């Protein structure tokens, strides 16, 4: 059976479980458990663009002028975030941060110690803007909303790849995109994978019989 069909089979099994008591649109998580993988030596980070948007993420920008598209943090307000309570509140309020490239040195100085450990520093792959034109900001928002971020720090990768309400095919394509990217990044490829599972927020994991 093809890999696509294996994922579809697992998704159907997951959706067949009784979830009527759950009153919200659950997140679908992909779990890739690793083996013979030394997280201290072989850890890696990935930004993977999936074909189907998962959700609208909360995004803020370190910009020179106010944006109509995202919440804006301008340079003159940076000193406010020397207060640890303020910076903690900022980190909790947003999923992603983007920045005008010109401001990145100041962003690194003012926010690096807080955003770095939270894995939320603006990243060149999805979060550095060469200008603040609405068109570029909107393109960046669209890209972020279809990007999943993986930082491997333990021998189990867990990443959100969809919502329960999404079509099975769309969930499958997102899961498959992430699986293939992780697979090609692992040093020993399939030999580093113990098993693959999917689950809802409130459900038990279902194994993908790859």
N, C-alpha and C. Protein backbone atom coordinates (compact mmCIF):
# COMPACT_ATOMS: atom_id res chain seq x y z
N UNK A 1 0.85 -1.20 0.00
CA UNK A 1 0.00 0.00 0.00
C UNK A 1 0.88 1.25 0.00
N UNK A 2 0.54 2.25 -0.82
CA UNK A 2 1.34 3.47 -0.92
C UNK A 2 1.31 4.24 0.39
N UNK A 3 2.35 5.05 0.58
CA UNK A 3 2.46 5.84 1.81
C UNK A 3 1.24 6.73 2.01
N UNK A 4 0.74 7.34 0.90
CA UNK A 4 -0.44 8.20 1.00
C UNK A 4 -1.63 7.43 1.56
N UNK A 5 -1.81 6.21 1.09
CA UNK A 5 -2.95 5.40 1.54
C UNK A 5 -2.80 4.99 3.01
N UNK A 6 -1.57 4.76 3.42
CA UNK A 6 -1.33 4.41 4.83
C UNK A 6 -1.73 5.56 5.75
N UNK A 7 -1.39 6.79 5.34
CA UNK A 7 -1.78 7.96 6.14
C UNK A 7 -3.30 8.14 6.15
N UNK A 8 -3.91 8.00 4.98
CA UNK A 8 -5.37 8.12 4.89
C UNK A 8 -6.05 7.10 5.79
N UNK A 9 -5.55 5.89 5.78
CA UNK A 9 -6.11 4.81 6.60
C UNK A 9 -6.06 5.18 8.08
N UNK A 10 -4.92 5.72 8.52
CA UNK A 10 -4.76 6.12 9.93
C UNK A 10 -5.67 7.29 10.27
N UNK A 11 -5.81 8.25 9.35
CA UNK A 11 -6.67 9.41 9.58
C UNK A 11 -8.13 8.97 9.70
N UNK A 12 -8.56 8.07 8.83
CA UNK A 12 -9.94 7.56 8.89
C UNK A 12 -10.19 6.84 10.22
N UNK A 13 -9.22 6.07 10.65
CA UNK A 13 -9.35 5.35 11.93
C UNK A 13 -9.45 6.33 13.08
N UNK A 14 -8.64 7.40 13.02
CA UNK A 14 -8.67 8.43 14.06
C UNK A 14 -10.02 9.12 14.10
N UNK A 15 -10.55 9.48 12.94
CA UNK A 15 -11.82 10.19 12.86
C UNK A 15 -13.01 9.29 13.22
N UNK A 16 -12.83 7.97 13.09
CA UNK A 16 -13.92 7.03 13.39
C UNK A 16 -14.17 6.89 14.88
N UNK A 17 -13.20 7.30 15.68
CA UNK A 17 -13.38 7.20 17.13
C UNK A 17 -14.44 8.20 17.59
N UNK A 18 -15.10 7.88 18.66
CA UNK A 18 -16.20 8.71 19.17
C UNK A 18 -15.65 10.01 19.76
N UNK A 19 -15.83 11.10 19.03
CA UNK A 19 -15.35 12.40 19.52
C UNK A 19 -16.51 13.40 19.68
N UNK A 20 -17.73 12.90 19.76
CA UNK A 20 -18.90 13.78 19.84
C UNK A 20 -18.91 14.65 21.09
N UNK A 21 -18.27 14.15 22.13
CA UNK A 21 -18.25 14.91 23.39
C UNK A 21 -17.30 16.10 23.32
N UNK A 22 -16.40 16.09 22.35
CA UNK A 22 -15.43 17.18 22.21
C UNK A 22 -16.10 18.33 21.45
N UNK A 23 -16.14 19.50 22.08
CA UNK A 23 -16.90 20.62 21.53
C UNK A 23 -16.03 21.64 20.80
N UNK A 24 -14.82 21.28 20.42
CA UNK A 24 -14.00 22.23 19.68
C UNK A 24 -13.29 21.49 18.54
N UNK A 25 -12.79 22.26 17.59
CA UNK A 25 -12.11 21.69 16.42
C UNK A 25 -10.69 21.30 16.82
N UNK A 26 -10.50 20.00 17.08
CA UNK A 26 -9.23 19.55 17.63
C UNK A 26 -8.08 19.69 16.61
N UNK A 27 -6.89 19.87 17.15
CA UNK A 27 -5.68 19.89 16.33
C UNK A 27 -5.27 18.45 16.02
N UNK A 28 -4.75 18.24 14.83
CA UNK A 28 -4.19 16.95 14.45
C UNK A 28 -2.67 17.03 14.59
N UNK A 29 -2.11 16.16 15.41
CA UNK A 29 -0.66 16.13 15.61
C UNK A 29 -0.05 14.93 14.92
N UNK A 30 1.10 15.17 14.29
CA UNK A 30 1.91 14.08 13.73
C UNK A 30 3.04 13.81 14.71
N UNK A 31 3.21 12.55 15.07
CA UNK A 31 4.27 12.16 16.01
C UNK A 31 5.23 11.21 15.29
N UNK A 32 6.51 11.60 15.25
CA UNK A 32 7.53 10.75 14.65
C UNK A 32 8.51 10.37 15.76
N UNK A 33 8.46 9.13 16.20
CA UNK A 33 9.36 8.66 17.25
C UNK A 33 10.65 8.13 16.60
N UNK A 34 11.77 8.57 17.16
CA UNK A 34 13.07 8.25 16.57
C UNK A 34 13.78 7.13 17.33
N UNK A 35 14.76 6.53 16.67
CA UNK A 35 15.62 5.53 17.30
C UNK A 35 17.04 5.73 16.79
N UNK A 36 18.00 5.28 17.61
CA UNK A 36 19.42 5.40 17.25
C UNK A 36 19.74 6.81 16.77
N UNK A 37 19.22 7.78 17.50
CA UNK A 37 19.41 9.19 17.14
C UNK A 37 19.89 9.94 18.37
N UNK A 38 21.09 10.50 18.30
CA UNK A 38 21.70 11.22 19.42
C UNK A 38 21.29 12.68 19.36
N UNK A 39 20.33 13.07 20.19
CA UNK A 39 19.80 14.44 20.13
C UNK A 39 20.85 15.48 20.51
N UNK A 40 21.88 15.07 21.25
CA UNK A 40 22.91 16.04 21.63
C UNK A 40 23.82 16.36 20.45
N UNK A 41 24.02 15.42 19.56
CA UNK A 41 24.91 15.63 18.43
C UNK A 41 24.19 15.89 17.11
N UNK A 42 22.97 15.37 16.99
CA UNK A 42 22.31 15.40 15.70
C UNK A 42 21.04 16.24 15.66
N UNK A 43 20.80 17.04 16.69
CA UNK A 43 19.58 17.86 16.74
C UNK A 43 19.51 18.80 15.54
N UNK A 44 18.28 19.07 15.08
CA UNK A 44 18.13 19.97 13.94
C UNK A 44 16.83 20.75 14.05
N UNK A 45 16.77 21.84 13.28
CA UNK A 45 15.55 22.66 13.21
C UNK A 45 15.10 22.74 11.77
N UNK A 46 13.79 22.73 11.56
CA UNK A 46 13.23 22.80 10.22
C UNK A 46 12.04 23.76 10.18
N UNK A 47 11.91 24.48 9.09
CA UNK A 47 10.69 25.20 8.76
C UNK A 47 10.15 24.54 7.50
N UNK A 48 8.96 23.95 7.60
CA UNK A 48 8.41 23.19 6.48
C UNK A 48 7.10 23.82 6.03
N UNK A 49 7.03 24.19 4.76
CA UNK A 49 5.80 24.75 4.22
C UNK A 49 4.91 23.61 3.74
N UNK A 50 3.71 23.53 4.32
CA UNK A 50 2.77 22.46 3.97
C UNK A 50 1.77 22.98 2.94
N UNK A 51 1.15 22.09 2.15
CA UNK A 51 0.27 22.55 1.08
C UNK A 51 -1.06 23.15 1.54
N UNK A 52 -1.49 22.83 2.77
CA UNK A 52 -2.80 23.31 3.22
C UNK A 52 -2.67 24.05 4.55
N UNK A 53 -3.21 25.26 4.59
CA UNK A 53 -3.13 26.09 5.80
C UNK A 53 -3.78 25.39 6.98
N UNK A 54 -3.09 25.43 8.11
CA UNK A 54 -3.59 24.79 9.33
C UNK A 54 -4.49 25.75 10.10
N UNK A 55 -3.99 26.95 10.35
CA UNK A 55 -4.78 27.96 11.06
C UNK A 55 -4.11 29.31 10.85
N UNK A 56 -4.84 30.37 11.20
CA UNK A 56 -4.26 31.71 11.17
C UNK A 56 -3.44 31.89 12.45
N UNK A 57 -2.14 32.07 12.29
CA UNK A 57 -1.28 32.22 13.46
C UNK A 57 -1.26 33.68 13.93
N UNK A 58 -0.96 33.83 15.20
CA UNK A 58 -0.85 35.18 15.78
C UNK A 58 0.54 35.71 15.47
N UNK A 59 0.61 36.80 14.68
CA UNK A 59 1.89 37.29 14.19
C UNK A 59 2.06 38.76 14.57
N UNK A 60 3.25 39.11 15.03
CA UNK A 60 3.59 40.51 15.30
C UNK A 60 4.88 40.84 14.55
N UNK A 61 5.06 42.12 14.24
CA UNK A 61 6.24 42.53 13.48
C UNK A 61 7.03 43.63 14.16
N UNK A 62 8.35 43.49 14.14
CA UNK A 62 9.25 44.56 14.56
C UNK A 62 9.49 45.42 13.32
N UNK A 63 8.77 46.55 13.24
CA UNK A 63 8.74 47.34 12.01
C UNK A 63 9.03 48.82 12.29
N UNK A 64 9.35 49.53 11.20
CA UNK A 64 9.64 50.96 11.33
C UNK A 64 8.36 51.80 11.37
N UNK A 65 7.30 51.28 10.73
CA UNK A 65 6.02 52.01 10.76
C UNK A 65 4.88 51.04 11.03
N UNK A 66 3.74 51.58 11.46
CA UNK A 66 2.59 50.73 11.78
C UNK A 66 2.09 50.01 10.53
N UNK A 67 1.71 48.75 10.71
CA UNK A 67 1.16 47.95 9.61
C UNK A 67 -0.32 47.74 9.83
N UNK A 68 -1.08 47.73 8.71
CA UNK A 68 -2.51 47.45 8.79
C UNK A 68 -2.79 45.95 8.84
N UNK A 69 -1.74 45.15 8.63
CA UNK A 69 -1.93 43.71 8.49
C UNK A 69 -1.53 42.90 9.72
N UNK A 70 -0.56 43.39 10.47
CA UNK A 70 -0.12 42.68 11.68
C UNK A 70 0.13 43.69 12.81
N UNK A 71 0.07 43.21 14.03
CA UNK A 71 0.41 44.06 15.18
C UNK A 71 1.87 44.48 15.07
N UNK A 72 2.13 45.73 15.41
CA UNK A 72 3.46 46.30 15.17
C UNK A 72 4.15 46.69 16.47
N UNK A 73 5.43 46.36 16.55
CA UNK A 73 6.28 46.79 17.66
C UNK A 73 7.39 47.65 17.05
N UNK A 74 7.31 48.96 17.28
CA UNK A 74 8.29 49.88 16.68
C UNK A 74 9.49 50.08 17.60
N UNK A 75 10.59 50.50 17.00
CA UNK A 75 11.86 50.59 17.73
C UNK A 75 11.76 51.47 18.97
N UNK A 76 10.99 52.55 18.87
CA UNK A 76 10.89 53.46 20.01
C UNK A 76 10.21 52.82 21.23
N UNK A 77 9.51 51.72 21.01
CA UNK A 77 8.85 51.04 22.15
C UNK A 77 9.70 49.90 22.72
N UNK A 78 10.85 49.61 22.10
CA UNK A 78 11.68 48.49 22.57
C UNK A 78 12.04 48.60 24.05
N UNK A 79 12.39 49.79 24.56
CA UNK A 79 12.78 49.88 25.99
C UNK A 79 11.70 49.38 26.96
N UNK A 80 10.45 49.46 26.53
CA UNK A 80 9.35 48.99 27.37
C UNK A 80 9.54 47.52 27.76
N UNK A 81 10.18 46.76 26.86
CA UNK A 81 10.29 45.31 27.06
C UNK A 81 11.53 44.90 27.87
N UNK A 82 12.17 45.87 28.48
CA UNK A 82 13.21 45.55 29.47
C UNK A 82 12.54 44.95 30.72
N UNK A 83 11.28 45.29 30.89
CA UNK A 83 10.47 44.72 31.98
C UNK A 83 10.17 43.25 31.63
N UNK A 84 10.61 42.33 32.46
CA UNK A 84 10.45 40.90 32.18
C UNK A 84 8.99 40.49 32.04
N UNK A 85 8.12 41.12 32.82
CA UNK A 85 6.70 40.80 32.72
C UNK A 85 6.16 41.17 31.35
N UNK A 86 6.59 42.31 30.83
CA UNK A 86 6.12 42.77 29.52
C UNK A 86 6.60 41.85 28.41
N UNK A 87 7.85 41.43 28.48
CA UNK A 87 8.39 40.57 27.41
C UNK A 87 7.77 39.17 27.49
N UNK A 88 7.50 38.67 28.70
CA UNK A 88 6.84 37.37 28.84
C UNK A 88 5.42 37.43 28.25
N UNK A 89 4.73 38.54 28.52
CA UNK A 89 3.39 38.72 27.99
C UNK A 89 3.42 38.78 26.46
N UNK A 90 4.44 39.42 25.92
CA UNK A 90 4.60 39.53 24.46
C UNK A 90 4.79 38.15 23.84
N UNK A 91 5.65 37.34 24.44
CA UNK A 91 5.94 36.00 23.92
C UNK A 91 4.68 35.12 23.94
N UNK A 92 3.88 35.24 25.00
CA UNK A 92 2.65 34.44 25.11
C UNK A 92 1.59 34.89 24.10
N UNK A 93 1.64 36.15 23.71
CA UNK A 93 0.59 36.72 22.87
C UNK A 93 0.70 36.35 21.40
N UNK A 94 1.90 35.92 20.95
CA UNK A 94 2.11 35.68 19.52
C UNK A 94 2.79 34.35 19.27
N UNK A 95 2.43 33.76 18.11
CA UNK A 95 3.05 32.50 17.69
C UNK A 95 4.34 32.75 16.91
N UNK A 96 4.36 33.84 16.13
CA UNK A 96 5.49 34.15 15.26
C UNK A 96 5.80 35.65 15.34
N UNK A 97 7.07 35.96 15.14
CA UNK A 97 7.49 37.34 15.01
C UNK A 97 8.25 37.50 13.70
N UNK A 98 7.96 38.61 13.01
CA UNK A 98 8.73 38.95 11.82
C UNK A 98 9.42 40.28 12.08
N UNK A 99 10.38 40.64 11.24
CA UNK A 99 11.12 41.88 11.47
C UNK A 99 11.64 42.47 10.17
N UNK A 100 11.64 43.78 10.11
CA UNK A 100 12.35 44.49 9.05
C UNK A 100 13.84 44.17 9.21
N UNK A 101 14.50 43.79 8.13
CA UNK A 101 15.91 43.40 8.19
C UNK A 101 16.77 44.48 8.83
N UNK A 102 16.41 45.76 8.60
CA UNK A 102 17.19 46.88 9.16
C UNK A 102 17.17 46.88 10.68
N UNK A 103 16.09 46.35 11.25
CA UNK A 103 15.93 46.38 12.71
C UNK A 103 16.48 45.14 13.42
N UNK A 104 16.92 44.15 12.65
CA UNK A 104 17.32 42.88 13.26
C UNK A 104 18.43 43.02 14.32
N UNK A 105 19.48 43.84 14.10
CA UNK A 105 20.49 43.99 15.17
C UNK A 105 19.88 44.48 16.49
N UNK A 106 18.95 45.47 16.38
CA UNK A 106 18.30 45.99 17.59
C UNK A 106 17.35 44.96 18.19
N UNK A 107 16.68 44.19 17.34
CA UNK A 107 15.78 43.13 17.83
C UNK A 107 16.59 42.07 18.58
N UNK A 108 17.72 41.69 18.01
CA UNK A 108 18.57 40.67 18.65
C UNK A 108 19.06 41.16 20.01
N UNK A 109 19.46 42.42 20.07
CA UNK A 109 19.96 42.98 21.33
C UNK A 109 18.86 43.08 22.39
N UNK A 110 17.69 43.55 21.98
CA UNK A 110 16.61 43.82 22.94
C UNK A 110 15.77 42.58 23.28
N UNK A 111 15.65 41.65 22.33
CA UNK A 111 14.71 40.54 22.53
C UNK A 111 15.33 39.14 22.41
N UNK A 112 16.60 39.08 21.98
CA UNK A 112 17.22 37.79 21.72
C UNK A 112 17.19 36.83 22.91
N UNK A 113 17.46 37.34 24.10
CA UNK A 113 17.51 36.47 25.29
C UNK A 113 16.15 35.89 25.64
N UNK A 114 15.09 36.59 25.24
CA UNK A 114 13.74 36.10 25.54
C UNK A 114 13.17 35.28 24.39
N UNK A 115 13.30 35.77 23.17
CA UNK A 115 12.71 35.09 22.02
C UNK A 115 13.50 33.86 21.59
N UNK A 116 14.82 33.89 21.80
CA UNK A 116 15.66 32.75 21.41
C UNK A 116 15.26 31.46 22.10
N UNK A 117 15.25 31.42 23.43
CA UNK A 117 14.84 30.19 24.14
C UNK A 117 13.40 29.77 23.84
N UNK A 118 12.55 30.74 23.49
CA UNK A 118 11.15 30.42 23.16
C UNK A 118 11.01 29.96 21.71
N UNK A 119 12.13 29.94 20.98
CA UNK A 119 12.13 29.52 19.56
C UNK A 119 11.22 30.42 18.72
N UNK A 120 11.26 31.74 19.02
CA UNK A 120 10.37 32.68 18.31
C UNK A 120 11.11 33.87 17.71
N UNK A 121 12.44 33.81 17.61
CA UNK A 121 13.17 34.88 16.95
C UNK A 121 12.80 34.93 15.47
N UNK A 122 12.64 36.14 14.89
CA UNK A 122 12.41 36.22 13.45
C UNK A 122 13.49 35.43 12.70
N UNK A 123 13.06 34.62 11.76
CA UNK A 123 13.98 33.70 11.09
C UNK A 123 14.11 34.06 9.62
N UNK A 124 15.32 34.01 9.06
CA UNK A 124 15.51 34.35 7.65
C UNK A 124 14.65 33.52 6.69
N UNK A 125 14.29 32.31 7.09
CA UNK A 125 13.49 31.46 6.19
C UNK A 125 12.05 31.93 6.04
N UNK A 126 11.50 32.53 7.09
CA UNK A 126 10.10 32.95 7.00
C UNK A 126 9.80 34.30 7.62
N UNK A 127 10.77 34.94 8.26
CA UNK A 127 10.39 36.10 9.06
C UNK A 127 11.17 37.39 8.89
N UNK A 128 12.09 37.47 7.92
CA UNK A 128 12.86 38.71 7.74
C UNK A 128 12.35 39.43 6.49
N UNK A 129 11.93 40.67 6.66
CA UNK A 129 11.35 41.45 5.57
C UNK A 129 12.38 42.43 5.00
N UNK A 130 12.52 42.45 3.67
CA UNK A 130 13.45 43.42 3.06
C UNK A 130 12.80 44.79 2.93
N UNK A 131 11.47 44.84 2.99
CA UNK A 131 10.76 46.11 3.05
C UNK A 131 9.43 45.87 3.75
N UNK A 132 8.67 46.95 3.98
CA UNK A 132 7.42 46.83 4.74
C UNK A 132 6.18 47.05 3.88
N UNK A 133 6.32 46.85 2.56
CA UNK A 133 5.17 47.00 1.68
C UNK A 133 4.11 45.95 2.03
N UNK A 134 2.85 46.35 1.94
CA UNK A 134 1.75 45.45 2.31
C UNK A 134 1.81 44.13 1.56
N UNK A 135 2.19 44.19 0.27
CA UNK A 135 2.23 42.97 -0.54
C UNK A 135 3.19 41.96 0.06
N UNK A 136 4.39 42.41 0.45
CA UNK A 136 5.38 41.50 1.02
C UNK A 136 4.95 41.01 2.40
N UNK A 137 4.38 41.91 3.21
CA UNK A 137 3.90 41.51 4.53
C UNK A 137 2.81 40.44 4.40
N UNK A 138 1.87 40.63 3.45
CA UNK A 138 0.79 39.66 3.25
C UNK A 138 1.35 38.32 2.77
N UNK A 139 2.32 38.35 1.85
CA UNK A 139 2.94 37.11 1.37
C UNK A 139 3.61 36.36 2.53
N UNK A 140 4.24 37.12 3.42
CA UNK A 140 4.91 36.52 4.57
C UNK A 140 3.90 35.91 5.53
N UNK A 141 2.78 36.60 5.75
CA UNK A 141 1.71 36.07 6.60
C UNK A 141 1.20 34.75 6.02
N UNK A 142 0.94 34.74 4.71
CA UNK A 142 0.44 33.52 4.06
C UNK A 142 1.42 32.37 4.21
N UNK A 143 2.70 32.68 4.06
CA UNK A 143 3.73 31.65 4.17
C UNK A 143 3.80 31.10 5.60
N UNK A 144 3.75 32.00 6.58
CA UNK A 144 3.80 31.57 7.98
C UNK A 144 2.59 30.70 8.33
N UNK A 145 1.42 31.07 7.81
CA UNK A 145 0.20 30.31 8.12
C UNK A 145 0.19 28.92 7.51
N UNK A 146 1.10 28.65 6.58
CA UNK A 146 1.20 27.29 6.02
C UNK A 146 2.57 26.68 6.31
N UNK A 147 3.23 27.18 7.37
CA UNK A 147 4.55 26.67 7.74
C UNK A 147 4.49 26.03 9.11
N UNK A 148 5.11 24.87 9.24
CA UNK A 148 5.26 24.25 10.55
C UNK A 148 6.74 24.32 10.94
N UNK A 149 6.94 24.47 12.22
CA UNK A 149 8.30 24.66 12.75
C UNK A 149 8.65 23.46 13.62
N UNK A 150 9.79 22.86 13.35
CA UNK A 150 10.22 21.69 14.11
C UNK A 150 11.60 21.96 14.70
N UNK A 151 11.74 21.75 15.98
CA UNK A 151 13.05 21.80 16.62
C UNK A 151 13.23 20.50 17.38
N UNK A 152 14.14 19.67 16.89
CA UNK A 152 14.33 18.34 17.47
C UNK A 152 15.28 18.43 18.65
N UNK A 153 14.71 18.25 19.86
CA UNK A 153 15.51 18.30 21.08
C UNK A 153 15.41 17.00 21.87
N UNK A 154 14.56 16.10 21.41
CA UNK A 154 14.38 14.80 22.07
C UNK A 154 14.03 13.78 20.99
N UNK A 155 14.12 12.49 21.30
CA UNK A 155 13.92 11.48 20.25
C UNK A 155 12.45 11.24 19.88
N UNK A 156 11.64 12.28 19.98
CA UNK A 156 10.25 12.20 19.55
C UNK A 156 9.85 13.57 19.01
N UNK A 157 9.40 13.59 17.77
CA UNK A 157 8.97 14.84 17.13
C UNK A 157 7.45 14.89 17.16
N UNK A 158 6.90 15.98 17.66
CA UNK A 158 5.45 16.17 17.67
C UNK A 158 5.16 17.52 17.04
N UNK A 159 4.35 17.51 15.98
CA UNK A 159 4.08 18.76 15.26
C UNK A 159 2.62 18.79 14.80
N UNK A 160 2.00 19.95 14.91
CA UNK A 160 0.61 20.10 14.47
C UNK A 160 0.56 20.22 12.95
N UNK A 161 -0.29 19.38 12.31
CA UNK A 161 -0.32 19.38 10.85
C UNK A 161 -1.73 19.59 10.29
N UNK A 162 -2.69 19.86 11.17
CA UNK A 162 -4.04 20.08 10.65
C UNK A 162 -5.07 20.26 11.74
N UNK A 163 -6.32 20.34 11.31
CA UNK A 163 -7.46 20.43 12.21
C UNK A 163 -8.43 19.29 11.90
N UNK A 164 -9.15 18.85 12.90
CA UNK A 164 -10.10 17.75 12.75
C UNK A 164 -11.10 18.00 11.61
N UNK A 165 -11.49 19.26 11.41
CA UNK A 165 -12.49 19.61 10.41
C UNK A 165 -11.96 19.56 8.98
N UNK A 166 -10.66 19.47 8.81
CA UNK A 166 -10.09 19.46 7.46
C UNK A 166 -10.40 18.14 6.74
N UNK A 167 -10.43 18.21 5.43
CA UNK A 167 -10.60 16.99 4.63
C UNK A 167 -9.45 16.02 4.90
N UNK A 168 -9.76 14.73 4.85
CA UNK A 168 -8.73 13.71 5.07
C UNK A 168 -7.55 13.88 4.12
N UNK A 169 -7.84 14.20 2.86
CA UNK A 169 -6.78 14.36 1.86
C UNK A 169 -5.85 15.51 2.23
N UNK A 170 -6.42 16.61 2.71
CA UNK A 170 -5.60 17.77 3.08
C UNK A 170 -4.72 17.47 4.29
N UNK A 171 -5.28 16.76 5.27
CA UNK A 171 -4.48 16.35 6.43
C UNK A 171 -3.36 15.43 5.98
N UNK A 172 -3.70 14.49 5.09
CA UNK A 172 -2.70 13.53 4.60
C UNK A 172 -1.55 14.23 3.89
N UNK A 173 -1.88 15.18 3.01
CA UNK A 173 -0.83 15.88 2.26
C UNK A 173 0.09 16.67 3.19
N UNK A 174 -0.49 17.29 4.22
CA UNK A 174 0.33 18.01 5.20
C UNK A 174 1.24 17.04 5.96
N UNK A 175 0.65 15.93 6.42
CA UNK A 175 1.42 14.94 7.18
C UNK A 175 2.55 14.36 6.33
N UNK A 176 2.23 14.05 5.10
CA UNK A 176 3.21 13.44 4.21
C UNK A 176 4.35 14.40 3.90
N UNK A 177 4.02 15.68 3.71
CA UNK A 177 5.05 16.69 3.44
C UNK A 177 6.03 16.78 4.61
N UNK A 178 5.50 16.82 5.83
CA UNK A 178 6.35 16.91 7.01
C UNK A 178 7.17 15.63 7.18
N UNK A 179 6.52 14.48 7.03
CA UNK A 179 7.20 13.20 7.18
C UNK A 179 8.38 13.08 6.21
N UNK A 180 8.15 13.42 4.95
CA UNK A 180 9.20 13.29 3.93
C UNK A 180 10.37 14.23 4.21
N UNK A 181 10.08 15.45 4.68
CA UNK A 181 11.14 16.41 4.98
C UNK A 181 11.98 15.95 6.17
N UNK A 182 11.31 15.46 7.20
CA UNK A 182 12.03 14.93 8.37
C UNK A 182 12.86 13.72 7.95
N UNK A 183 12.27 12.85 7.15
CA UNK A 183 12.95 11.64 6.69
C UNK A 183 14.25 11.98 5.95
N UNK A 184 14.20 12.95 5.05
CA UNK A 184 15.40 13.28 4.28
C UNK A 184 16.45 14.03 5.10
N UNK A 185 16.02 14.59 6.26
CA UNK A 185 16.96 15.32 7.13
C UNK A 185 17.67 14.39 8.10
N UNK A 186 17.03 13.28 8.46
CA UNK A 186 17.63 12.34 9.41
C UNK A 186 18.88 11.70 8.82
N UNK A 187 19.94 11.56 9.60
CA UNK A 187 21.21 11.04 9.07
C UNK A 187 21.10 9.62 8.51
N UNK A 188 20.26 8.78 9.15
CA UNK A 188 20.12 7.39 8.68
C UNK A 188 18.76 7.12 8.06
N UNK A 189 18.08 8.23 7.67
CA UNK A 189 16.80 8.14 6.98
C UNK A 189 15.80 7.25 7.74
N UNK A 190 15.22 6.27 7.05
CA UNK A 190 14.17 5.46 7.66
C UNK A 190 14.68 4.63 8.84
N UNK A 191 15.97 4.36 8.87
CA UNK A 191 16.53 3.59 9.99
C UNK A 191 16.53 4.38 11.29
N UNK A 192 16.30 5.69 11.22
CA UNK A 192 16.20 6.51 12.43
C UNK A 192 14.76 6.63 12.94
N UNK A 193 13.81 6.04 12.22
CA UNK A 193 12.40 6.18 12.60
C UNK A 193 11.90 4.90 13.28
N UNK A 194 11.45 5.06 14.53
CA UNK A 194 10.89 3.93 15.27
C UNK A 194 9.45 3.67 14.82
N UNK A 195 8.64 4.72 14.82
CA UNK A 195 7.26 4.61 14.34
C UNK A 195 6.69 5.99 14.10
N UNK A 196 5.55 6.03 13.43
CA UNK A 196 4.85 7.28 13.12
C UNK A 196 3.40 7.15 13.59
N UNK A 197 2.90 8.17 14.27
CA UNK A 197 1.53 8.14 14.78
C UNK A 197 0.85 9.48 14.52
N UNK A 198 -0.47 9.47 14.52
CA UNK A 198 -1.23 10.72 14.48
C UNK A 198 -2.24 10.70 15.61
N UNK A 199 -2.63 11.89 16.07
CA UNK A 199 -3.61 11.96 17.15
C UNK A 199 -4.33 13.30 17.10
N UNK A 200 -5.51 13.35 17.72
CA UNK A 200 -6.19 14.59 17.99
C UNK A 200 -5.71 15.12 19.34
N UNK A 201 -6.05 16.36 19.62
CA UNK A 201 -5.70 16.97 20.91
C UNK A 201 -6.09 16.07 22.09
N UNK A 202 -7.31 15.51 22.03
CA UNK A 202 -7.84 14.77 23.17
C UNK A 202 -7.93 13.25 22.94
N UNK A 203 -7.27 12.76 21.90
CA UNK A 203 -7.40 11.33 21.61
C UNK A 203 -6.11 10.58 21.87
N UNK A 204 -6.22 9.25 21.84
CA UNK A 204 -5.03 8.41 21.88
C UNK A 204 -4.41 8.38 20.49
N UNK A 205 -3.07 8.19 20.40
CA UNK A 205 -2.43 8.15 19.08
C UNK A 205 -2.83 6.89 18.30
N UNK A 206 -2.89 7.07 16.98
CA UNK A 206 -3.15 5.96 16.06
C UNK A 206 -1.88 5.76 15.22
N UNK A 207 -1.41 4.54 15.14
CA UNK A 207 -0.17 4.25 14.40
C UNK A 207 -0.42 4.29 12.90
N UNK A 208 0.52 4.91 12.18
CA UNK A 208 0.51 4.88 10.72
C UNK A 208 1.36 3.67 10.32
N UNK A 209 0.75 2.68 9.70
CA UNK A 209 1.42 1.41 9.43
C UNK A 209 2.32 1.49 8.19
N UNK A 210 3.36 2.27 8.30
CA UNK A 210 4.28 2.47 7.17
C UNK A 210 5.16 1.24 6.97
